[in-house]
Protein backbone atom coordinates (compact mmCIF):
# COMPACT_ATOMS: atom_id res chain seq x y z
CA MET A 1 -13.61 -71.51 -49.31
CA ARG A 2 -16.47 -69.28 -49.80
CA ASP A 3 -18.30 -70.55 -52.81
CA ARG A 4 -21.06 -72.07 -50.98
CA SER A 5 -23.50 -70.24 -48.54
CA HIS A 6 -24.78 -71.66 -45.36
CA GLN A 7 -27.85 -71.04 -43.10
CA ARG A 8 -25.55 -70.39 -40.01
CA LEU A 9 -21.88 -70.41 -39.05
CA LEU A 10 -20.65 -71.21 -35.51
CA VAL A 11 -17.20 -69.65 -35.12
CA PHE A 12 -15.03 -70.87 -32.07
CA LEU A 13 -12.84 -67.91 -30.96
CA PRO A 14 -9.49 -68.48 -29.54
CA PRO A 15 -9.17 -68.04 -25.59
CA ARG A 16 -7.53 -65.37 -23.61
CA LEU A 17 -8.14 -62.27 -25.98
CA ASP A 18 -6.65 -60.09 -23.17
CA VAL A 19 -5.31 -56.43 -23.72
CA GLY A 20 -1.68 -57.72 -24.51
CA GLY A 21 -3.19 -60.10 -27.04
CA ARG A 22 -6.12 -58.27 -28.92
CA SER A 23 -4.11 -57.42 -31.80
CA GLN A 24 -3.26 -61.22 -32.47
CA PHE A 25 -6.98 -61.80 -33.17
CA ALA A 26 -7.53 -60.41 -36.95
CA SER A 27 -8.81 -61.40 -40.13
CA GLY A 28 -6.06 -63.68 -40.57
CA THR A 29 -6.41 -65.58 -37.60
CA VAL A 30 -7.27 -69.32 -38.12
CA VAL A 31 -10.43 -70.59 -36.29
CA PRO A 32 -12.45 -73.70 -36.08
CA TYR A 33 -16.14 -73.36 -37.41
CA VAL A 34 -19.07 -75.53 -37.87
CA ALA A 35 -21.35 -74.69 -40.89
CA LEU A 36 -25.15 -75.49 -40.63
CA SER A 37 -27.21 -75.96 -43.65
CA GLY A 38 -30.70 -77.53 -42.64
CA ARG A 39 -29.91 -80.79 -41.02
CA GLU A 40 -26.46 -81.14 -42.46
CA SER A 41 -23.34 -79.64 -40.75
CA THR A 42 -19.74 -79.51 -41.92
CA ARG A 43 -16.63 -78.45 -39.77
CA GLY A 44 -13.34 -77.10 -40.52
CA GLU A 45 -10.74 -74.23 -39.86
CA ALA A 46 -9.96 -71.32 -42.00
CA PRO A 47 -8.92 -67.68 -41.57
CA VAL A 48 -11.67 -65.25 -40.40
CA ALA A 49 -11.57 -63.70 -43.88
CA LEU A 50 -11.74 -66.92 -45.73
CA LEU A 51 -14.60 -68.47 -43.58
CA PRO A 52 -17.37 -69.93 -45.66
CA LYS A 53 -20.28 -67.66 -46.47
CA ALA A 54 -23.39 -67.77 -44.09
CA GLY A 55 -26.77 -66.03 -43.45
CA ALA A 56 -25.72 -65.42 -39.80
CA VAL A 57 -22.83 -66.13 -37.48
CA ASP A 58 -22.72 -67.23 -34.00
CA LEU A 59 -19.55 -66.36 -31.85
CA VAL A 60 -18.73 -68.92 -29.47
CA PHE A 61 -16.18 -67.83 -26.86
CA ASP A 62 -13.99 -70.04 -24.79
CA SER A 63 -15.52 -70.95 -21.43
CA SER A 64 -12.49 -69.29 -19.53
CA ASP A 65 -13.35 -65.88 -21.33
CA VAL A 66 -16.91 -66.00 -19.91
CA PHE A 67 -17.91 -65.96 -16.41
CA ILE A 68 -21.44 -67.26 -15.68
CA THR A 69 -23.22 -67.25 -12.48
CA ALA A 70 -26.68 -67.26 -11.19
CA ILE A 71 -28.22 -64.68 -8.78
CA GLU A 72 -31.46 -63.77 -7.06
CA ALA A 73 -33.29 -61.49 -9.42
CA PRO A 74 -33.78 -58.00 -7.81
CA LYS A 75 -36.95 -56.35 -7.94
CA LEU A 76 -35.73 -53.80 -10.78
CA SER A 77 -36.67 -52.92 -14.31
CA GLU A 78 -34.50 -54.22 -16.94
CA GLY A 79 -32.65 -51.05 -17.53
CA ARG A 80 -32.04 -50.43 -13.81
CA LEU A 81 -31.15 -54.02 -13.42
CA ARG A 82 -28.41 -53.80 -16.21
CA MET A 83 -26.99 -50.76 -14.44
CA ALA A 84 -27.04 -52.50 -11.12
CA LEU A 85 -25.26 -55.80 -11.89
CA PRO A 86 -21.60 -54.36 -11.79
CA ASN A 87 -22.19 -53.59 -8.26
CA ILE A 88 -23.95 -56.69 -7.37
CA LEU A 89 -21.34 -58.93 -9.05
CA GLU A 90 -18.09 -56.92 -8.43
CA ASP A 91 -16.89 -59.14 -5.62
CA ARG A 92 -17.20 -62.22 -7.70
CA LEU A 93 -15.24 -61.03 -10.73
CA LEU A 94 -11.52 -61.25 -11.28
CA ALA A 95 -11.44 -58.00 -13.52
CA GLU A 96 -12.83 -54.51 -12.76
CA ALA A 97 -16.54 -54.32 -13.13
CA THR A 98 -16.16 -51.06 -15.28
CA ASP A 99 -14.15 -53.29 -18.08
CA CYS A 100 -16.87 -55.98 -18.35
CA HIS A 101 -20.14 -56.33 -20.27
CA PHE A 102 -23.10 -57.78 -18.44
CA ALA A 103 -25.99 -60.02 -20.10
CA PHE A 104 -28.70 -62.08 -18.53
CA ASN A 105 -31.69 -63.92 -19.20
CA VAL A 106 -35.04 -63.14 -17.16
CA PRO A 107 -36.08 -66.32 -15.63
CA ARG A 108 -38.80 -68.27 -17.57
CA GLY A 109 -42.21 -67.38 -16.17
CA GLY A 110 -40.98 -64.12 -14.74
CA SER A 111 -40.09 -60.59 -15.63
CA GLY A 112 -37.43 -58.05 -14.54
CA THR A 113 -39.96 -56.51 -12.00
CA THR A 114 -41.23 -59.54 -10.43
CA THR A 115 -40.18 -60.41 -6.64
CA ILE A 116 -37.20 -62.58 -5.70
CA ALA A 117 -39.61 -65.22 -4.23
CA ALA A 118 -41.53 -65.56 -7.41
CA GLN A 119 -38.96 -66.65 -9.75
CA PRO A 120 -35.99 -68.93 -9.85
CA LYS A 121 -32.24 -67.50 -10.00
CA MET A 122 -31.34 -65.33 -12.82
CA PRO A 123 -28.42 -66.46 -14.94
CA VAL A 124 -25.71 -63.67 -15.94
CA ALA A 125 -22.98 -63.90 -18.30
CA VAL A 126 -19.79 -61.56 -17.95
CA ILE A 127 -17.01 -60.81 -20.49
CA ASP A 128 -14.50 -58.32 -21.03
CA ARG A 129 -15.84 -55.62 -22.92
CA GLY A 130 -12.59 -55.29 -25.08
CA ILE A 131 -12.68 -58.88 -26.01
CA LEU A 132 -16.11 -58.69 -27.22
CA THR A 133 -15.64 -55.58 -29.04
CA ARG A 134 -12.51 -57.01 -30.86
CA ALA A 135 -14.33 -60.03 -31.93
CA LEU A 136 -17.40 -58.28 -33.22
CA ASP A 137 -15.32 -55.66 -35.21
CA VAL A 138 -13.14 -58.34 -37.02
CA ILE A 139 -16.21 -60.62 -37.90
CA THR A 140 -18.33 -57.73 -39.00
CA ALA A 141 -15.30 -56.39 -40.95
CA ALA A 142 -14.94 -59.78 -42.68
CA GLY A 143 -18.50 -59.30 -44.05
CA PHE A 144 -20.63 -61.44 -41.67
CA LYS A 145 -23.88 -60.58 -39.74
CA VAL A 146 -23.49 -61.63 -36.05
CA ARG A 147 -26.53 -63.51 -34.75
CA ALA A 148 -25.48 -64.26 -31.24
CA ALA A 149 -22.63 -64.66 -29.14
CA TYR A 150 -22.30 -66.95 -26.04
CA SER A 151 -20.10 -69.26 -23.89
CA GLU A 152 -18.91 -72.64 -25.43
CA ILE A 153 -20.59 -74.68 -22.56
CA TYR A 154 -23.98 -73.83 -24.48
CA THR A 155 -22.85 -75.77 -27.31
CA VAL A 156 -23.82 -79.15 -25.88
CA PRO A 157 -27.02 -79.98 -24.35
CA ALA A 158 -27.96 -79.38 -20.53
CA PRO A 159 -27.64 -82.42 -18.41
CA ALA A 160 -30.54 -84.97 -18.13
CA ALA A 161 -30.98 -87.66 -15.64
CA GLY A 162 -27.91 -89.53 -15.68
CA VAL A 163 -26.63 -87.94 -18.90
CA LEU A 164 -23.56 -85.63 -18.96
CA SER A 165 -22.80 -83.85 -22.24
CA VAL A 166 -19.26 -82.86 -23.28
CA ARG A 167 -17.41 -81.32 -26.13
CA VAL A 168 -13.65 -82.38 -26.69
CA ASP A 169 -11.34 -80.55 -29.20
CA ARG A 170 -7.57 -80.36 -29.34
CA GLY A 171 -6.98 -82.23 -26.15
CA ARG A 172 -9.47 -79.85 -24.15
CA GLY A 173 -12.83 -80.44 -23.18
CA ILE A 174 -15.82 -78.80 -21.86
CA ALA A 175 -18.70 -80.05 -19.70
CA ARG A 176 -22.35 -78.65 -19.20
CA SER A 177 -23.04 -79.46 -15.71
CA ALA A 178 -26.21 -77.51 -15.51
CA THR A 179 -28.28 -75.27 -17.70
CA HIS A 180 -26.15 -72.55 -17.00
CA ASP A 181 -22.96 -73.87 -15.49
CA GLY A 182 -20.07 -76.00 -16.74
CA PHE A 183 -16.30 -76.75 -16.41
CA ALA A 184 -13.25 -77.26 -18.72
CA PHE A 185 -10.72 -80.14 -18.37
CA ASP A 186 -7.55 -81.12 -20.22
CA LEU A 187 -7.81 -84.65 -21.74
CA ALA A 188 -4.83 -86.79 -21.57
CA ASP A 189 -4.30 -90.30 -22.62
CA ASP A 190 -3.17 -91.78 -19.45
CA ALA A 191 -5.16 -90.06 -16.93
CA VAL A 192 -8.86 -89.48 -15.97
CA PRO A 193 -9.48 -85.64 -15.75
CA PRO A 194 -10.11 -85.06 -12.06
CA ALA A 195 -13.05 -82.40 -12.47
CA LEU A 196 -14.80 -84.87 -15.07
CA ALA A 197 -14.65 -87.63 -12.44
CA LEU A 198 -15.83 -85.46 -9.70
CA ALA A 199 -18.82 -84.40 -11.95
CA VAL A 200 -19.69 -88.01 -12.54
CA ARG A 201 -19.65 -88.90 -8.86
CA GLN A 202 -21.79 -85.66 -7.84
CA LEU A 203 -24.19 -85.89 -10.55
CA GLY A 204 -24.82 -89.59 -10.56
CA VAL A 205 -23.81 -89.82 -14.42
CA LYS A 206 -24.28 -93.16 -16.17
CA ARG A 207 -23.88 -92.05 -19.77
CA ILE A 208 -21.53 -89.28 -21.33
CA GLN A 209 -22.46 -87.74 -24.52
CA VAL A 210 -19.57 -86.58 -26.50
CA PHE A 211 -19.35 -84.04 -29.25
CA GLY A 212 -16.36 -82.67 -31.07
CA ARG A 213 -13.48 -83.61 -33.13
CA ASP A 214 -11.62 -85.40 -30.29
CA GLY A 215 -14.68 -87.20 -29.33
CA PRO A 216 -13.43 -90.71 -29.97
CA ARG A 217 -10.47 -90.18 -27.56
CA MET A 218 -13.03 -90.32 -24.64
CA ASN A 219 -13.90 -94.09 -25.35
CA ALA A 220 -10.64 -94.82 -23.28
CA LEU A 221 -12.53 -93.32 -20.28
CA ALA A 222 -15.57 -95.34 -20.04
CA LYS A 223 -14.05 -98.24 -18.11
CA PRO A 224 -12.39 -95.90 -15.45
CA LEU A 225 -15.10 -93.86 -15.15
CA ASN A 226 -17.59 -96.72 -15.08
CA VAL A 227 -19.96 -94.84 -17.53
CA GLN A 228 -21.31 -95.41 -21.11
CA ILE A 229 -19.43 -93.32 -23.69
CA ASP A 230 -21.71 -92.25 -26.69
CA VAL A 231 -19.71 -90.18 -29.36
CA SER A 232 -21.87 -88.04 -31.57
CA ALA A 233 -20.86 -87.27 -35.00
CA GLN A 234 -21.69 -83.67 -34.76
CA GLU A 235 -19.20 -81.02 -33.58
CA ALA A 236 -21.97 -79.42 -31.53
CA ASP A 237 -25.63 -79.37 -30.94
CA PRO A 238 -27.26 -76.33 -32.45
CA ALA A 239 -30.53 -76.63 -30.67
CA SER A 240 -28.54 -76.36 -27.33
CA THR A 241 -27.08 -73.16 -28.13
CA GLU A 242 -30.75 -71.35 -28.00
CA THR A 243 -31.02 -72.07 -24.05
CA GLY A 244 -27.89 -69.92 -23.55
CA VAL A 245 -27.30 -66.29 -22.45
CA SER A 246 -26.31 -64.30 -25.44
CA LEU A 247 -23.78 -61.58 -24.76
CA LEU A 248 -25.44 -59.39 -27.43
CA GLN A 249 -27.49 -57.24 -25.15
CA GLY A 250 -27.31 -53.54 -24.23
CA THR A 251 -24.98 -51.59 -26.06
CA PHE A 252 -24.03 -54.63 -27.93
CA ALA A 253 -27.45 -55.42 -29.05
CA GLN A 254 -27.62 -55.93 -32.99
CA GLY A 255 -29.89 -53.78 -34.95
CA GLY A 256 -30.32 -51.46 -31.89
CA MET A 257 -31.17 -47.78 -32.28
CA ILE A 258 -27.76 -46.51 -31.85
CA GLY A 259 -26.13 -49.22 -33.95
CA GLY A 260 -28.44 -48.49 -36.90
CA PHE A 261 -28.21 -44.60 -36.72
CA VAL A 262 -24.13 -45.04 -36.80
CA GLY A 263 -24.18 -47.68 -39.42
CA SER A 264 -26.31 -45.96 -41.92
CA SER A 265 -24.24 -45.24 -44.98
CA LYS A 266 -26.93 -42.61 -46.26
CA LEU A 267 -27.07 -40.39 -43.27
CA SER A 268 -27.92 -36.97 -44.32
CA LEU A 269 -29.44 -34.48 -41.66
CA SER A 270 -29.81 -30.74 -42.00
CA SER A 271 -28.85 -28.39 -39.12
CA ARG A 272 -32.66 -27.45 -38.75
CA ALA A 273 -33.36 -31.06 -38.43
CA VAL A 274 -30.85 -31.70 -35.40
CA ARG A 275 -31.17 -28.42 -33.72
CA VAL A 276 -34.26 -29.14 -31.47
CA PRO A 277 -33.06 -32.65 -30.66
CA LEU A 278 -29.75 -31.39 -29.55
CA LEU A 279 -31.33 -28.55 -27.40
CA TRP A 280 -33.37 -31.33 -25.73
CA ILE A 281 -30.22 -33.39 -25.18
CA ALA A 282 -28.51 -30.63 -23.57
CA ALA A 283 -31.37 -29.76 -21.44
CA GLY A 284 -31.64 -33.33 -20.30
CA ALA A 285 -27.90 -33.38 -19.65
CA LEU A 286 -28.10 -30.15 -17.49
CA VAL A 287 -31.07 -31.65 -15.54
CA ALA A 288 -29.13 -35.13 -14.94
CA ILE A 289 -26.04 -33.50 -13.64
CA VAL A 290 -28.01 -31.16 -11.14
CA GLY A 291 -30.12 -34.45 -10.05
CA MET A 292 -26.83 -36.43 -9.79
CA ASN A 293 -25.10 -33.78 -7.69
CA ALA A 294 -28.21 -33.51 -5.39
CA TYR A 295 -28.22 -37.33 -5.24
CA ASN A 296 -24.62 -37.43 -4.07
CA LEU A 297 -25.14 -34.93 -1.33
CA LYS A 298 -27.96 -37.08 -0.15
CA LEU A 299 -26.00 -40.24 -0.13
CA GLU A 300 -23.14 -38.48 1.57
CA SER A 301 -25.62 -37.51 4.44
CA GLU A 302 -27.09 -40.99 4.67
CA GLU A 303 -23.48 -42.19 4.71
CA LYS A 304 -22.55 -40.11 7.78
CA PHE A 305 -25.74 -41.02 9.38
CA ILE A 306 -25.09 -44.64 9.03
CA ARG A 307 -21.69 -44.40 10.29
CA SER A 308 -22.61 -42.54 13.30
CA GLN A 309 -25.19 -45.19 14.07
CA MET A 310 -22.68 -48.00 13.68
CA GLU A 311 -20.27 -46.36 15.93
CA THR A 312 -23.10 -46.03 18.58
CA ASN A 313 -24.33 -49.39 18.03
CA PHE A 314 -20.54 -50.59 18.51
CA ARG A 315 -19.90 -48.80 21.54
CA SER A 316 -23.05 -50.07 23.33
CA THR A 317 -22.26 -53.66 22.59
CA PHE A 318 -18.63 -53.43 23.47
CA PRO A 319 -18.21 -50.80 26.14
CA GLU A 320 -14.80 -51.94 27.00
CA VAL A 321 -13.42 -50.48 23.79
CA THR A 322 -12.33 -46.96 24.40
CA THR A 323 -10.98 -46.20 20.90
CA VAL A 324 -13.13 -46.83 17.82
CA ALA A 325 -11.13 -46.46 14.50
CA ASP A 326 -12.93 -48.67 11.99
CA THR A 327 -16.20 -50.18 13.25
CA MET A 328 -16.43 -52.81 10.55
CA VAL A 329 -12.82 -54.26 11.39
CA GLN A 330 -13.25 -54.12 15.09
CA THR A 331 -16.93 -55.73 14.97
CA LYS A 332 -15.26 -58.80 12.92
CA GLN A 333 -12.40 -58.99 15.52
CA LYS A 334 -14.80 -58.83 18.46
CA LEU A 335 -17.02 -61.42 16.82
CA SER A 336 -14.08 -63.70 16.27
CA GLU A 337 -13.12 -63.48 19.79
CA LEU A 338 -16.67 -64.29 20.93
CA ARG A 339 -16.66 -67.38 18.77
CA SER A 340 -13.47 -68.53 20.10
CA ARG A 341 -14.53 -68.36 23.71
CA ALA A 342 -17.73 -70.31 22.85
CA GLY A 343 -15.90 -72.84 20.82
CA ILE A 344 -17.36 -72.02 17.49
CA PRO A 345 -14.77 -72.22 14.57
CA SER A 346 -14.36 -69.26 12.63
CA ALA A 347 -14.03 -69.37 8.60
CA ASN A 348 -10.42 -68.90 8.82
CA ASP A 349 -9.75 -71.53 11.39
CA PHE A 350 -7.25 -74.45 10.42
CA SER A 351 -9.87 -77.12 10.44
CA VAL A 352 -12.52 -75.28 8.35
CA LEU A 353 -9.95 -73.92 5.97
CA ASN A 354 -8.34 -77.18 5.44
CA ALA A 355 -11.54 -78.91 4.86
CA ARG A 356 -12.83 -76.37 2.03
CA THR A 357 -9.20 -76.37 0.48
CA ALA A 358 -9.34 -80.01 0.02
CA VAL A 359 -12.47 -79.66 -1.88
CA LEU A 360 -10.97 -76.82 -3.89
CA LEU A 361 -7.89 -78.87 -4.80
CA SER A 362 -9.84 -81.77 -6.12
CA ALA A 363 -9.99 -79.44 -9.23
CA ALA A 364 -6.13 -79.58 -9.50
CA PRO A 365 -4.16 -82.26 -11.33
CA LEU A 366 -3.21 -85.26 -9.07
CA GLY A 367 -0.02 -84.88 -7.40
CA SER A 368 0.31 -81.15 -8.24
CA VAL A 369 0.57 -79.95 -4.60
CA ALA A 370 4.16 -80.07 -2.99
CA GLY A 371 3.01 -79.07 0.47
CA MET A 372 0.98 -76.75 2.73
CA GLU A 373 1.53 -74.32 5.57
CA TYR A 374 -1.00 -72.58 7.67
CA ARG A 375 -0.01 -69.03 8.80
CA ASP A 376 -1.83 -65.91 10.08
CA GLY A 377 -5.36 -67.24 9.30
CA GLY A 378 -4.49 -68.38 5.81
CA LEU A 379 -3.06 -71.78 3.94
CA LYS A 380 -0.03 -71.38 1.71
CA VAL A 381 -0.10 -74.07 -0.76
CA LYS A 382 2.96 -74.92 -2.74
CA PHE A 383 2.64 -76.40 -6.18
CA LYS A 384 5.12 -78.47 -7.96
CA GLN A 385 7.33 -76.55 -10.30
CA GLY A 386 5.44 -75.46 -13.34
CA VAL A 387 2.01 -76.40 -12.27
CA ALA A 388 0.98 -72.88 -10.92
CA ASP A 389 1.98 -71.30 -14.31
CA ASN A 390 -1.09 -72.72 -16.06
CA ALA A 391 -3.39 -69.75 -16.51
CA GLY A 392 -6.31 -72.34 -17.21
CA LEU A 393 -5.63 -74.10 -13.87
CA GLN A 394 -5.58 -70.63 -12.19
CA ASN A 395 -8.77 -69.65 -13.70
CA THR A 396 -10.42 -72.91 -12.64
CA LEU A 397 -9.11 -72.80 -9.05
CA ARG A 398 -10.52 -69.04 -8.82
CA SER A 399 -13.80 -70.00 -10.03
CA ALA A 400 -14.03 -73.17 -7.56
CA ALA A 401 -12.74 -70.81 -4.59
CA VAL A 402 -15.80 -68.52 -5.01
CA GLN A 403 -18.01 -71.57 -4.77
CA GLN A 404 -16.28 -72.81 -1.58
CA GLY A 405 -16.28 -69.27 0.08
CA LEU A 406 -12.67 -68.98 -0.31
CA ALA A 407 -10.13 -66.29 -1.71
CA ILE A 408 -6.95 -67.63 -3.69
CA ARG A 409 -4.27 -65.58 -4.65
CA PHE A 410 -1.19 -66.92 -6.70
CA GLU A 411 2.27 -65.57 -5.58
CA PRO A 412 5.23 -64.85 -7.98
CA ASP A 413 7.19 -68.11 -6.27
CA GLY A 414 4.53 -70.52 -7.92
CA SER A 415 2.58 -70.95 -4.48
CA ALA A 416 -1.05 -69.93 -3.71
CA ARG A 417 -2.45 -68.24 -0.39
CA ILE A 418 -5.99 -69.31 0.42
CA THR A 419 -8.01 -67.31 2.88
CA ALA A 420 -11.70 -67.33 3.97
CA ALA A 421 -13.65 -64.87 1.37
CA GLY A 422 -14.12 -61.47 2.97
CA VAL A 423 -11.61 -62.14 5.82
């Protein structure tokens, strides 16, 4: 299997390498790959330890394992921005921000220190730190040099006017609906994927460019979707991967100072050579600790002042309230009362919530909903037996809920409770 050397190897990693399943991904795990040599490409499957030789390897993660979004680029340096991202995106993540690794591309024509108005939105990719670490460890131990790591949506071209690119393999497809956005769908022989049908309508798609081993199966969808299907002989588009957000940034940057220091097999330093640097490190750590404590005291003082101002403003605005326990909660309650009196619907009113939920459930399989019930400012959606147990569907609905301004929580009984986000 490894008698020929290729310029580049795209390795498609299995999805959901969560905490309970990390040990399953090892050198013996069979993975699909695409080997590139000039303009030629070959595809196949092999255990990680027996993958073809290559000058460099690209790790392609399943789209369900990489969360991609776009934010307004704050006026911060690259280093400060990297530290701020966990707080900025915390409300959009399904996992703890401390367990995630963040990567981003500075918008073209701008830099990390430009103003928000001077540059477009900045794409950010988020992945579980344990998944990325395990994948890099296994691939590196197999003797490969990792060039880049990114989401599967970047293996196909970004959409052009009237053209949508998808990749289909093993009955599952991914579509790249924007430069840094996409969605997954399941390909069945007797039904049009709802997510794909919705994308065709919303994007005005006239032609679908298909990559992947199961590409010919898409021909059956040409008539129902009323589009032209062009099946490519390629498994993926190598040029498109260069436009993606590479996950190998920050502590995972290849060839960085720390990586080169630790990875050196001929490291030999005398105590005299390291004494001065260690003293400087200790002094720097001491200054940092003192500074952090002083900064925390300042923040606590500012917090008390802000809370006092909030309570003062609340009492002046709503003088009829005699007891103030939580200004944020009570303010929301009062604003909701004022909206109701003025005839303005709130985000958790039935009419508003029902309309947003209808759009959200368009991503679910047809006929999967068994019933709905509105109670206490939320909708309880009952799915048919076995539908809500699909982890892929749950991730799809959670991602779609964020875009609709909704929060969705799946219950043990197979139902889901949908409420307005932040309510």
